[in-house]
């Protein structure tokens, strides 16, 4: 009976991977992961920046703050639809109802940022 059991155990051990393994030895170090690459998350800015030679039409807008929500300021120009700017673009946190003079750059050629708004220091209607 013992003679029958030995071949059966040998067959079971080889079927269950009891022999040499394709896995690395326990004392072997893990391979070094690839170097991390810097990935720009465009969702942080909500402004797609593609690039290329670009041209803009510049204008100055007298704007009125409509609302401030989640770090985004909604403004309305006297003759335009509302537009949005991050709170960080203002010299101090604006309040609803405040007025600002804004430089608007609207793209006319290329695939760069389509709209750029910049707060101009000074009173509405003129730069000091």
N, C-alpha and C. Protein backbone atom coordinates (compact mmCIF):
# COMPACT_ATOMS: atom_id res chain seq x y z
N UNK A 1 0.82 -1.18 0.00
CA UNK A 1 0.00 0.00 0.00
C UNK A 1 0.87 1.26 0.00
N UNK A 2 1.99 1.21 0.72
CA UNK A 2 2.89 2.34 0.76
C UNK A 2 3.48 2.62 -0.62
N UNK A 3 3.74 1.64 -1.37
CA UNK A 3 4.33 1.81 -2.69
C UNK A 3 3.35 2.52 -3.63
N UNK A 4 2.08 2.30 -3.43
CA UNK A 4 1.08 2.97 -4.26
C UNK A 4 0.94 4.43 -3.84
N UNK A 5 1.08 4.71 -2.58
CA UNK A 5 0.91 6.06 -2.06
C UNK A 5 2.03 7.00 -2.50
N UNK A 6 3.27 6.52 -2.60
CA UNK A 6 4.39 7.39 -2.97
C UNK A 6 4.21 7.99 -4.37
N UNK A 7 3.88 7.20 -5.40
CA UNK A 7 3.66 7.83 -6.71
C UNK A 7 2.46 8.78 -6.71
N UNK A 8 1.44 8.45 -5.92
CA UNK A 8 0.26 9.31 -5.85
C UNK A 8 0.61 10.64 -5.20
N UNK A 9 1.42 10.64 -4.15
CA UNK A 9 1.85 11.87 -3.50
C UNK A 9 2.76 12.69 -4.42
N UNK A 10 3.63 12.04 -5.16
CA UNK A 10 4.51 12.75 -6.09
C UNK A 10 3.70 13.42 -7.19
N UNK A 11 2.68 12.71 -7.69
CA UNK A 11 1.81 13.27 -8.72
C UNK A 11 1.02 14.45 -8.18
N UNK A 12 0.52 14.33 -6.96
CA UNK A 12 -0.24 15.41 -6.33
C UNK A 12 0.65 16.64 -6.10
N UNK A 13 1.89 16.43 -5.65
CA UNK A 13 2.80 17.54 -5.39
C UNK A 13 3.14 18.28 -6.68
N UNK A 14 3.37 17.56 -7.75
CA UNK A 14 3.70 18.24 -9.01
C UNK A 14 2.48 18.95 -9.59
N UNK A 15 1.29 18.41 -9.41
CA UNK A 15 0.07 19.04 -9.92
C UNK A 15 -0.26 20.31 -9.13
N UNK A 16 0.08 20.35 -7.87
CA UNK A 16 -0.22 21.50 -7.02
C UNK A 16 0.92 22.51 -6.98
N UNK A 17 1.92 22.34 -7.80
CA UNK A 17 3.01 23.31 -7.82
C UNK A 17 3.99 23.09 -6.71
N UNK A 18 4.19 21.90 -6.28
CA UNK A 18 5.10 21.62 -5.18
C UNK A 18 6.55 21.67 -5.58
N UNK A 19 6.85 21.80 -6.88
CA UNK A 19 8.23 21.83 -7.32
C UNK A 19 8.72 23.25 -7.46
N UNK A 20 9.63 23.46 -8.44
CA UNK A 20 10.17 24.79 -8.70
C UNK A 20 9.05 25.75 -9.09
N UNK A 21 9.17 26.96 -8.67
CA UNK A 21 8.15 27.97 -8.93
C UNK A 21 8.70 29.03 -9.87
N UNK A 22 7.82 29.65 -10.65
CA UNK A 22 8.20 30.76 -11.51
C UNK A 22 8.25 32.08 -10.74
N UNK A 23 7.83 32.08 -9.48
CA UNK A 23 7.82 33.28 -8.66
C UNK A 23 9.22 33.60 -8.17
N UNK A 24 9.54 34.88 -7.97
CA UNK A 24 10.87 35.23 -7.46
C UNK A 24 11.05 34.76 -6.02
N UNK A 25 12.29 34.60 -5.64
CA UNK A 25 12.60 34.15 -4.29
C UNK A 25 12.16 35.21 -3.28
N UNK A 26 11.88 34.77 -2.05
CA UNK A 26 11.41 35.68 -1.01
C UNK A 26 12.42 36.78 -0.70
N UNK A 27 13.71 36.50 -0.85
CA UNK A 27 14.72 37.50 -0.51
C UNK A 27 15.03 38.44 -1.68
N UNK A 28 14.34 38.28 -2.77
CA UNK A 28 14.57 39.11 -3.95
C UNK A 28 13.78 40.42 -3.82
N UNK A 29 14.41 41.55 -4.13
CA UNK A 29 13.76 42.86 -4.00
C UNK A 29 12.78 43.09 -5.15
N UNK A 30 11.75 43.84 -4.86
CA UNK A 30 10.76 44.19 -5.88
C UNK A 30 11.40 45.14 -6.88
N UNK A 31 10.97 45.09 -8.15
CA UNK A 31 11.55 46.01 -9.13
C UNK A 31 11.18 47.45 -8.81
N UNK A 32 12.05 48.36 -9.19
CA UNK A 32 11.82 49.79 -8.96
C UNK A 32 10.71 50.26 -9.89
N UNK A 33 9.68 50.94 -9.34
CA UNK A 33 8.60 51.42 -10.21
C UNK A 33 9.13 52.51 -11.14
N UNK A 34 8.45 52.71 -12.28
CA UNK A 34 8.90 53.76 -13.20
C UNK A 34 8.80 55.13 -12.54
N UNK A 35 9.64 56.04 -12.99
CA UNK A 35 9.62 57.40 -12.44
C UNK A 35 8.27 58.04 -12.70
N UNK A 36 7.78 58.80 -11.71
CA UNK A 36 6.48 59.45 -11.86
C UNK A 36 6.61 60.60 -12.84
N UNK A 37 5.56 60.78 -13.63
CA UNK A 37 5.53 61.89 -14.54
C UNK A 37 4.57 62.93 -14.03
N UNK A 38 4.82 64.15 -14.36
CA UNK A 38 3.95 65.23 -13.93
C UNK A 38 2.76 65.32 -14.86
N UNK A 39 1.58 65.18 -14.32
CA UNK A 39 0.36 65.26 -15.11
C UNK A 39 -0.41 66.49 -14.66
N UNK A 40 -0.73 67.36 -15.61
CA UNK A 40 -1.48 68.58 -15.30
C UNK A 40 -2.94 68.24 -15.31
N UNK A 41 -3.63 68.55 -14.23
CA UNK A 41 -5.06 68.32 -14.14
C UNK A 41 -5.78 69.59 -14.54
N UNK A 42 -6.31 69.60 -15.78
CA UNK A 42 -6.97 70.80 -16.27
C UNK A 42 -8.27 71.10 -15.55
N UNK A 43 -8.81 70.13 -14.84
CA UNK A 43 -10.06 70.40 -14.13
C UNK A 43 -9.85 71.39 -13.00
N UNK A 44 -8.59 71.57 -12.53
CA UNK A 44 -8.33 72.54 -11.48
C UNK A 44 -8.62 73.95 -11.94
N UNK A 45 -8.33 74.22 -13.21
CA UNK A 45 -8.52 75.55 -13.70
C UNK A 45 -9.79 75.72 -14.49
N UNK A 46 -10.35 74.67 -14.96
CA UNK A 46 -11.53 74.69 -15.82
C UNK A 46 -11.31 75.50 -17.08
N UNK A 47 -10.06 75.73 -17.44
CA UNK A 47 -9.74 76.48 -18.64
C UNK A 47 -8.78 75.64 -19.47
N UNK A 48 -9.25 75.11 -20.60
CA UNK A 48 -8.34 74.30 -21.42
C UNK A 48 -7.25 75.17 -22.04
N UNK A 49 -6.03 74.72 -21.90
CA UNK A 49 -4.91 75.42 -22.49
C UNK A 49 -4.25 74.46 -23.47
N UNK A 50 -4.34 74.77 -24.75
CA UNK A 50 -3.83 73.87 -25.77
C UNK A 50 -2.51 74.36 -26.32
N UNK A 51 -2.42 75.60 -26.72
CA UNK A 51 -1.17 76.15 -27.20
C UNK A 51 -1.23 76.57 -28.65
N UNK A 52 -0.09 76.96 -29.17
CA UNK A 52 0.00 77.41 -30.54
C UNK A 52 0.08 78.91 -30.61
N UNK A 53 0.43 79.44 -31.79
CA UNK A 53 0.45 80.90 -31.94
C UNK A 53 -0.98 81.43 -31.92
N UNK A 54 -1.26 82.36 -31.04
CA UNK A 54 -2.63 82.83 -30.84
C UNK A 54 -2.71 84.35 -30.92
N UNK A 55 -3.89 84.83 -31.30
CA UNK A 55 -4.17 86.26 -31.32
C UNK A 55 -5.43 86.51 -30.50
N UNK A 56 -5.46 87.66 -29.83
CA UNK A 56 -6.59 88.01 -28.97
C UNK A 56 -7.11 89.40 -29.33
N UNK A 57 -8.39 89.60 -29.09
CA UNK A 57 -9.02 90.91 -29.18
C UNK A 57 -9.13 91.41 -27.74
N UNK A 58 -8.46 92.51 -27.41
CA UNK A 58 -8.45 93.06 -26.06
C UNK A 58 -9.51 94.14 -25.91
N UNK A 59 -10.15 94.16 -24.74
CA UNK A 59 -11.09 95.23 -24.42
C UNK A 59 -11.11 95.43 -22.92
N UNK A 60 -11.64 96.55 -22.49
CA UNK A 60 -11.77 96.86 -21.07
C UNK A 60 -13.25 96.85 -20.74
N UNK A 61 -13.62 96.11 -19.68
CA UNK A 61 -15.02 95.94 -19.30
C UNK A 61 -15.24 96.51 -17.90
N UNK A 62 -16.30 97.29 -17.73
CA UNK A 62 -16.76 97.67 -16.40
C UNK A 62 -17.67 96.55 -15.95
N UNK A 63 -17.27 95.82 -14.92
CA UNK A 63 -17.99 94.62 -14.50
C UNK A 63 -18.53 94.75 -13.09
N UNK A 64 -19.63 94.07 -12.86
CA UNK A 64 -20.35 94.08 -11.59
C UNK A 64 -20.39 92.64 -11.07
N UNK A 65 -19.98 92.42 -9.80
CA UNK A 65 -19.99 91.08 -9.21
C UNK A 65 -21.43 90.67 -8.93
N UNK A 66 -21.82 89.52 -9.49
CA UNK A 66 -23.17 88.99 -9.28
C UNK A 66 -23.18 88.05 -8.07
N UNK A 67 -22.35 87.02 -8.12
CA UNK A 67 -22.27 86.06 -7.01
C UNK A 67 -20.84 85.55 -6.86
N UNK A 68 -20.56 84.99 -5.69
CA UNK A 68 -19.30 84.30 -5.42
C UNK A 68 -19.68 82.96 -4.82
N UNK A 69 -19.25 81.87 -5.48
CA UNK A 69 -19.60 80.54 -4.99
C UNK A 69 -18.46 79.58 -5.30
N UNK A 70 -18.04 78.83 -4.29
CA UNK A 70 -16.98 77.83 -4.43
C UNK A 70 -15.71 78.39 -5.07
N UNK A 71 -15.32 79.61 -4.69
CA UNK A 71 -14.10 80.20 -5.18
C UNK A 71 -14.19 80.77 -6.59
N UNK A 72 -15.39 80.83 -7.15
CA UNK A 72 -15.60 81.36 -8.49
C UNK A 72 -16.49 82.60 -8.39
N UNK A 73 -16.05 83.68 -9.06
CA UNK A 73 -16.78 84.94 -9.05
C UNK A 73 -17.52 85.06 -10.38
N UNK A 74 -18.83 85.29 -10.31
CA UNK A 74 -19.61 85.55 -11.51
C UNK A 74 -19.76 87.05 -11.66
N UNK A 75 -19.38 87.57 -12.83
CA UNK A 75 -19.45 88.99 -13.10
C UNK A 75 -20.29 89.24 -14.35
N UNK A 76 -20.84 90.42 -14.44
CA UNK A 76 -21.58 90.82 -15.64
C UNK A 76 -21.04 92.17 -16.10
N UNK A 77 -20.74 92.25 -17.40
CA UNK A 77 -20.30 93.50 -17.99
C UNK A 77 -21.52 94.32 -18.38
N UNK A 78 -21.32 95.58 -18.67
CA UNK A 78 -22.45 96.46 -19.01
C UNK A 78 -23.13 96.03 -20.30
N UNK A 79 -22.38 95.57 -21.30
CA UNK A 79 -22.96 95.16 -22.57
C UNK A 79 -22.69 93.70 -22.91
N UNK A 80 -22.42 92.86 -21.92
CA UNK A 80 -22.07 91.48 -22.23
C UNK A 80 -22.76 90.51 -21.28
N UNK A 81 -22.68 89.25 -21.66
CA UNK A 81 -23.20 88.18 -20.81
C UNK A 81 -22.29 88.05 -19.60
N UNK A 82 -22.73 87.27 -18.62
CA UNK A 82 -21.89 87.07 -17.44
C UNK A 82 -20.68 86.22 -17.80
N UNK A 83 -19.62 86.39 -17.03
CA UNK A 83 -18.41 85.61 -17.19
C UNK A 83 -17.87 85.28 -15.81
N UNK A 84 -16.90 84.39 -15.74
CA UNK A 84 -16.44 83.86 -14.46
C UNK A 84 -14.93 84.02 -14.31
N UNK A 85 -14.52 84.29 -13.07
CA UNK A 85 -13.11 84.40 -12.74
C UNK A 85 -12.87 83.75 -11.37
N UNK A 86 -11.70 83.16 -11.17
CA UNK A 86 -11.38 82.62 -9.84
C UNK A 86 -11.16 83.76 -8.84
N UNK A 87 -11.51 83.52 -7.59
CA UNK A 87 -11.33 84.52 -6.52
C UNK A 87 -9.87 84.94 -6.43
N UNK A 88 -8.94 84.00 -6.70
CA UNK A 88 -7.51 84.29 -6.59
C UNK A 88 -7.06 85.38 -7.56
N UNK A 89 -7.84 85.65 -8.61
CA UNK A 89 -7.46 86.67 -9.59
C UNK A 89 -7.73 88.09 -9.12
N UNK A 90 -8.36 88.24 -7.96
CA UNK A 90 -8.70 89.56 -7.42
C UNK A 90 -7.70 89.95 -6.35
N UNK A 91 -7.43 91.26 -6.19
CA UNK A 91 -6.49 91.69 -5.16
C UNK A 91 -6.94 91.32 -3.74
N UNK A 92 -8.25 91.27 -3.51
CA UNK A 92 -8.82 90.80 -2.24
C UNK A 92 -10.15 90.12 -2.59
N UNK A 93 -10.69 89.37 -1.65
CA UNK A 93 -11.92 88.64 -1.91
C UNK A 93 -13.04 89.63 -2.23
N UNK A 94 -13.62 89.53 -3.43
CA UNK A 94 -14.68 90.48 -3.80
C UNK A 94 -15.99 90.18 -3.08
N UNK A 95 -16.87 91.16 -3.06
CA UNK A 95 -18.19 90.99 -2.48
C UNK A 95 -19.23 91.18 -3.57
N UNK A 96 -20.37 90.50 -3.42
CA UNK A 96 -21.47 90.68 -4.38
C UNK A 96 -21.85 92.15 -4.41
N UNK A 97 -22.02 92.67 -5.62
CA UNK A 97 -22.37 94.07 -5.79
C UNK A 97 -21.18 94.97 -6.06
N UNK A 98 -19.96 94.47 -5.85
CA UNK A 98 -18.77 95.28 -6.09
C UNK A 98 -18.55 95.46 -7.59
N UNK A 99 -17.89 96.55 -7.95
CA UNK A 99 -17.60 96.85 -9.34
C UNK A 99 -16.10 96.81 -9.59
N UNK A 100 -15.69 96.29 -10.75
CA UNK A 100 -14.29 96.18 -11.12
C UNK A 100 -14.12 96.55 -12.58
N UNK A 101 -12.92 97.01 -12.90
CA UNK A 101 -12.54 97.20 -14.29
C UNK A 101 -11.71 95.97 -14.67
N UNK A 102 -12.15 95.30 -15.72
CA UNK A 102 -11.55 94.03 -16.13
C UNK A 102 -11.01 94.15 -17.55
N UNK A 103 -9.80 93.67 -17.76
CA UNK A 103 -9.26 93.55 -19.11
C UNK A 103 -9.69 92.19 -19.64
N UNK A 104 -10.41 92.18 -20.78
CA UNK A 104 -10.88 90.94 -21.39
C UNK A 104 -10.07 90.69 -22.66
N UNK A 105 -9.52 89.48 -22.76
CA UNK A 105 -8.80 89.06 -23.96
C UNK A 105 -9.55 87.87 -24.52
N UNK A 106 -10.18 88.05 -25.68
CA UNK A 106 -10.96 86.99 -26.31
C UNK A 106 -10.23 86.51 -27.55
N UNK A 107 -10.03 85.21 -27.65
CA UNK A 107 -9.22 84.65 -28.73
C UNK A 107 -9.86 84.88 -30.10
N UNK A 108 -9.02 85.23 -31.06
CA UNK A 108 -9.49 85.42 -32.44
C UNK A 108 -8.79 84.46 -33.40
N UNK A 109 -7.64 83.92 -32.97
CA UNK A 109 -6.89 83.01 -33.82
C UNK A 109 -6.06 82.07 -32.95
N UNK A 110 -6.01 80.78 -33.31
CA UNK A 110 -5.20 79.80 -32.59
C UNK A 110 -6.04 78.94 -31.68
N UNK A 111 -5.35 78.13 -30.85
CA UNK A 111 -6.04 77.19 -29.95
C UNK A 111 -5.59 77.36 -28.51
N UNK A 112 -5.24 78.57 -28.11
CA UNK A 112 -4.85 78.84 -26.72
C UNK A 112 -6.10 79.01 -25.85
N UNK A 113 -5.89 79.47 -24.63
CA UNK A 113 -7.01 79.73 -23.72
C UNK A 113 -7.97 80.69 -24.40
N UNK A 114 -9.26 80.31 -24.53
CA UNK A 114 -10.20 81.12 -25.31
C UNK A 114 -10.55 82.48 -24.70
N UNK A 115 -10.57 82.58 -23.39
CA UNK A 115 -10.93 83.83 -22.73
C UNK A 115 -9.98 84.05 -21.55
N UNK A 116 -9.41 85.25 -21.48
CA UNK A 116 -8.55 85.60 -20.35
C UNK A 116 -9.07 86.91 -19.77
N UNK A 117 -9.37 86.89 -18.46
CA UNK A 117 -9.86 88.08 -17.79
C UNK A 117 -8.86 88.47 -16.70
N UNK A 118 -8.54 89.75 -16.64
CA UNK A 118 -7.58 90.24 -15.65
C UNK A 118 -8.14 91.49 -14.98
N UNK A 119 -8.08 91.52 -13.64
CA UNK A 119 -8.52 92.70 -12.90
C UNK A 119 -7.50 93.80 -13.11
N UNK A 120 -7.98 94.98 -13.50
CA UNK A 120 -7.12 96.14 -13.66
C UNK A 120 -7.23 96.96 -12.38
N UNK A 121 -6.10 97.31 -11.80
CA UNK A 121 -6.11 98.13 -10.59
C UNK A 121 -6.73 99.49 -10.89
N UNK A 122 -7.57 99.99 -10.03
CA UNK A 122 -8.16 101.31 -10.22
C UNK A 122 -9.66 101.25 -10.10
N UNK A 123 -10.29 102.40 -10.26
CA UNK A 123 -11.74 102.52 -10.15
C UNK A 123 -12.39 102.11 -11.45
N UNK A 124 -13.66 101.74 -11.38
CA UNK A 124 -14.42 101.42 -12.58
C UNK A 124 -14.43 102.65 -13.46
N UNK A 125 -14.18 102.43 -14.74
CA UNK A 125 -14.20 103.53 -15.68
C UNK A 125 -12.85 104.13 -15.96
N UNK A 126 -11.83 103.71 -15.25
CA UNK A 126 -10.51 104.26 -15.54
C UNK A 126 -9.45 103.73 -14.60
N UNK A 127 -8.26 103.62 -15.12
CA UNK A 127 -7.14 103.12 -14.32
C UNK A 127 -6.47 104.30 -13.65
N UNK A 128 -6.13 104.13 -12.40
CA UNK A 128 -5.46 105.19 -11.65
C UNK A 128 -4.00 105.29 -12.04
